[in-house]
């Protein structure tokens, strides 16, 4: 089973309260200051685009979700209680916006994940031996090129599996919260997460095994 991804793949801010620099910005936002809203977009837009692109690889979908994120934030700013940092609050809104966008695409048949999973022969052994990685996971995740490879591999997963992997292993949501967000049972989330991790490991094996030869 893959361990949760490196924190480098996430922009969520675990700070329990808004930073002091955010207090003035929040006051201006609540007062309806247009310049403050523009500053919010400039300051957090690039980070939030990274978030929505994980869930929505298509550029136009990501752009739509980012716009929805800021619209939702603008409309809800008066209800922001400051229980978390502004970055954390915006991050959660961005994830929800991306999930809403995904729901509008659910009418399309989902691609099967079977071709990405390891194959086994009748005696239960793998059809192909698992590739040996010459570097440790920590070394792999410390390398920018490898982090990019992990992101590209995640992008290859079908929507339903990629979303669960991102929610559980990147955003560190609980099984129960993930199930509620996606309208699935906890058992379904666990099964899909297991298969998504298997497929991700298989994709990385193919690339990293080739690189090590």
Protein backbone atom coordinates (compact mmCIF):
# COMPACT_ATOMS: atom_id res chain seq x y z
CA UNK A 1 0.00 0.00 0.00
CA UNK A 2 1.33 3.40 -0.90
CA UNK A 3 1.93 5.80 1.93
CA UNK A 4 0.19 9.20 1.73
CA UNK A 5 1.92 11.52 -0.73
CA UNK A 6 4.52 14.05 0.31
CA UNK A 7 3.26 17.34 1.76
CA UNK A 8 5.01 18.99 -1.20
CA UNK A 9 2.03 17.89 -3.31
CA UNK A 10 -0.44 19.83 -1.17
CA UNK A 11 -0.89 23.52 -0.43
CA UNK A 12 -3.24 23.08 2.51
CA UNK A 13 -2.17 25.31 5.41
CA UNK A 14 -2.56 23.59 8.79
CA UNK A 15 -2.26 26.82 10.75
CA UNK A 16 -5.25 26.88 13.16
CA UNK A 17 -5.88 30.62 12.93
CA UNK A 18 -5.48 33.26 10.21
CA UNK A 19 -2.03 34.84 10.11
CA UNK A 20 -1.77 38.39 11.39
CA UNK A 21 -1.23 39.60 7.82
CA UNK A 22 -4.66 38.21 6.92
CA UNK A 23 -6.60 40.12 9.57
CA UNK A 24 -6.52 43.43 7.71
CA UNK A 25 -7.28 41.73 4.41
CA UNK A 26 -10.31 40.00 5.93
CA UNK A 27 -11.62 43.30 7.29
CA UNK A 28 -11.30 44.89 3.84
CA UNK A 29 -12.97 41.90 2.18
CA UNK A 30 -15.91 42.06 4.58
CA UNK A 31 -16.22 45.77 3.88
CA UNK A 32 -16.61 44.99 0.18
CA UNK A 33 -13.30 46.55 -0.90
CA UNK A 34 -12.79 45.71 -4.59
CA UNK A 35 -9.02 46.13 -4.32
CA UNK A 36 -8.95 43.57 -1.49
CA UNK A 37 -10.77 41.02 -3.64
CA UNK A 38 -8.29 41.61 -6.48
CA UNK A 39 -5.46 41.13 -4.01
CA UNK A 40 -7.03 37.87 -2.80
CA UNK A 41 -7.18 36.53 -6.35
CA UNK A 42 -3.57 37.50 -7.10
CA UNK A 43 -2.28 36.14 -3.81
CA UNK A 44 -4.07 32.78 -3.74
CA UNK A 45 -5.02 32.17 -7.38
CA UNK A 46 -1.84 30.32 -8.42
CA UNK A 47 -1.97 28.01 -5.38
CA UNK A 48 -5.64 27.24 -5.87
CA UNK A 49 -5.12 26.54 -9.56
CA UNK A 50 -2.66 23.82 -8.53
CA UNK A 51 -5.37 22.33 -6.31
CA UNK A 52 -8.16 22.26 -8.90
CA UNK A 53 -5.85 20.98 -11.64
CA UNK A 54 -5.21 17.85 -9.60
CA UNK A 55 -8.89 17.00 -9.84
CA UNK A 56 -9.50 18.52 -13.27
CA UNK A 57 -6.60 17.99 -15.70
CA UNK A 58 -8.50 19.73 -18.52
CA UNK A 59 -7.50 23.40 -18.48
CA UNK A 60 -10.96 24.82 -19.19
CA UNK A 61 -12.49 22.75 -16.39
CA UNK A 62 -9.81 23.92 -13.96
CA UNK A 63 -10.35 27.55 -14.95
CA UNK A 64 -14.10 27.21 -14.39
CA UNK A 65 -13.56 25.64 -10.96
CA UNK A 66 -11.11 28.36 -9.96
CA UNK A 67 -13.63 31.05 -10.91
CA UNK A 68 -16.32 29.19 -8.93
CA UNK A 69 -13.94 29.03 -5.96
CA UNK A 70 -13.54 32.78 -5.75
CA UNK A 71 -17.23 33.43 -6.36
CA UNK A 72 -18.10 31.08 -3.49
CA UNK A 73 -15.47 32.68 -1.27
CA UNK A 74 -16.71 36.21 -2.04
CA UNK A 75 -20.29 35.20 -1.22
CA UNK A 76 -19.30 33.45 2.02
CA UNK A 77 -16.65 35.81 3.37
CA UNK A 78 -18.98 37.17 6.05
CA UNK A 79 -19.50 33.64 7.36
CA UNK A 80 -15.77 32.89 7.62
CA UNK A 81 -15.18 32.51 11.36
CA UNK A 82 -11.39 32.32 11.32
CA UNK A 83 -11.25 28.80 12.78
CA UNK A 84 -8.59 28.01 10.16
CA UNK A 85 -6.25 30.11 8.09
CA UNK A 86 -7.60 31.85 5.00
CA UNK A 87 -5.45 29.57 2.81
CA UNK A 88 -6.98 26.44 4.39
CA UNK A 89 -10.51 27.81 3.98
CA UNK A 90 -9.92 28.64 0.33
CA UNK A 91 -8.31 25.26 -0.26
CA UNK A 92 -11.42 23.45 0.95
CA UNK A 93 -13.66 25.66 -1.20
CA UNK A 94 -11.46 24.90 -4.22
CA UNK A 95 -11.71 21.15 -3.66
CA UNK A 96 -15.49 21.39 -3.36
CA UNK A 97 -15.66 23.47 -6.55
CA UNK A 98 -13.59 20.85 -8.38
CA UNK A 99 -15.85 18.07 -7.11
CA UNK A 100 -18.92 19.97 -8.28
CA UNK A 101 -17.35 20.31 -11.72
CA UNK A 102 -16.62 16.59 -11.78
CA UNK A 103 -20.25 15.80 -10.99
CA UNK A 104 -21.33 17.64 -14.15
CA UNK A 105 -19.12 15.25 -16.14
CA UNK A 106 -20.38 12.03 -14.54
CA UNK A 107 -22.75 11.37 -17.44
CA UNK A 108 -19.78 10.23 -19.48
CA UNK A 109 -18.75 6.56 -19.01
CA UNK A 110 -15.81 6.24 -16.66
CA UNK A 111 -12.62 4.71 -18.03
CA UNK A 112 -11.81 1.31 -16.56
CA UNK A 113 -8.88 1.08 -14.17
CA UNK A 114 -8.25 -2.60 -14.92
CA UNK A 115 -5.56 -1.94 -17.53
CA UNK A 116 -3.57 0.02 -14.96
CA UNK A 117 -3.64 -2.69 -12.28
CA UNK A 118 -0.96 -5.38 -11.89
CA UNK A 119 -1.69 -8.59 -13.79
CA UNK A 120 -1.44 -12.05 -12.21
CA UNK A 121 -1.14 -15.55 -13.65
CA UNK A 122 -3.20 -18.57 -12.56
CA UNK A 123 -0.86 -19.52 -9.69
CA UNK A 124 -1.29 -16.07 -8.13
CA UNK A 125 2.12 -14.68 -9.04
CA UNK A 126 2.55 -11.42 -10.92
CA UNK A 127 2.67 -11.77 -14.68
CA UNK A 128 5.66 -9.42 -14.66
CA UNK A 129 8.08 -9.06 -11.74
CA UNK A 130 7.78 -5.81 -9.81
CA UNK A 131 10.38 -3.30 -10.93
CA UNK A 132 13.11 -2.51 -8.44
CA UNK A 133 13.53 1.13 -7.51
CA UNK A 134 17.10 2.23 -6.95
CA UNK A 135 16.10 5.18 -4.74
CA UNK A 136 14.12 5.28 -1.51
CA UNK A 137 10.63 6.83 -1.52
CA UNK A 138 11.97 9.86 0.38
CA UNK A 139 14.65 10.35 -2.26
CA UNK A 140 12.10 9.99 -5.04
CA UNK A 141 9.77 12.58 -3.53
CA UNK A 142 12.64 14.97 -2.84
CA UNK A 143 13.40 15.15 -6.55
CA UNK A 144 11.36 17.70 -8.51
CA UNK A 145 11.38 15.61 -11.67
CA UNK A 146 10.04 12.60 -9.76
CA UNK A 147 7.33 14.69 -8.10
CA UNK A 148 6.24 15.75 -11.57
CA UNK A 149 6.19 12.07 -12.56
CA UNK A 150 3.94 11.27 -9.58
CA UNK A 151 1.56 14.07 -10.57
CA UNK A 152 1.42 12.84 -14.16
CA UNK A 153 0.78 9.29 -12.98
CA UNK A 154 -2.08 10.47 -10.76
CA UNK A 155 -3.54 12.32 -13.76
CA UNK A 156 -3.74 8.99 -15.64
CA UNK A 157 -6.13 7.48 -13.11
CA UNK A 158 -9.85 7.48 -14.00
CA UNK A 159 -11.74 10.38 -12.40
CA UNK A 160 -13.48 8.33 -9.71
CA UNK A 161 -10.27 6.72 -8.52
CA UNK A 162 -8.08 9.82 -8.86
CA UNK A 163 -10.56 11.85 -6.81
CA UNK A 164 -10.57 9.36 -3.94
CA UNK A 165 -6.78 9.10 -3.94
CA UNK A 166 -6.46 12.88 -3.84
CA UNK A 167 -9.01 13.32 -1.07
CA UNK A 168 -7.55 10.57 1.12
CA UNK A 169 -3.80 10.70 0.45
CA UNK A 170 -3.20 14.32 -0.58
CA UNK A 171 -5.88 16.29 1.28
CA UNK A 172 -5.88 13.72 4.11
CA UNK A 173 -9.67 13.56 4.40
CA UNK A 174 -11.10 10.68 6.42
CA UNK A 175 -12.83 7.75 4.79
CA UNK A 176 -16.13 8.93 6.19
CA UNK A 177 -15.71 12.51 4.95
CA UNK A 178 -14.62 11.29 1.52
CA UNK A 179 -17.65 9.02 1.33
CA UNK A 180 -19.96 11.89 2.27
CA UNK A 181 -18.41 14.27 -0.26
CA UNK A 182 -18.75 11.75 -3.08
CA UNK A 183 -22.05 10.14 -2.10
CA UNK A 184 -20.44 6.71 -1.72
CA UNK A 185 -20.33 4.10 1.02
CA UNK A 186 -17.23 3.91 3.21
CA UNK A 187 -16.63 0.36 1.90
CA UNK A 188 -16.71 1.63 -1.68
CA UNK A 189 -14.21 4.38 -0.83
CA UNK A 190 -11.83 1.85 0.75
CA UNK A 191 -12.05 -0.49 -2.23
CA UNK A 192 -11.49 2.28 -4.77
CA UNK A 193 -8.62 3.75 -2.75
CA UNK A 194 -6.89 0.37 -2.64
CA UNK A 195 -7.24 -0.06 -6.40
CA UNK A 196 -6.11 3.52 -7.06
CA UNK A 197 -2.98 2.99 -4.96
CA UNK A 198 -2.27 -0.27 -6.78
CA UNK A 199 -2.64 1.43 -10.16
CA UNK A 200 -0.49 4.38 -9.13
CA UNK A 201 2.27 2.06 -7.92
CA UNK A 202 2.06 0.12 -11.18
CA UNK A 203 2.36 3.30 -13.25
CA UNK A 204 5.34 4.45 -11.20
CA UNK A 205 6.94 1.00 -11.40
CA UNK A 206 6.84 1.16 -15.18
CA UNK A 207 8.47 4.58 -15.32
CA UNK A 208 10.93 4.30 -12.44
CA UNK A 209 11.86 0.72 -13.28
CA UNK A 210 12.73 1.80 -16.80
CA UNK A 211 14.75 4.73 -15.48
CA UNK A 212 16.77 2.48 -13.18
CA UNK A 213 17.83 0.07 -15.94
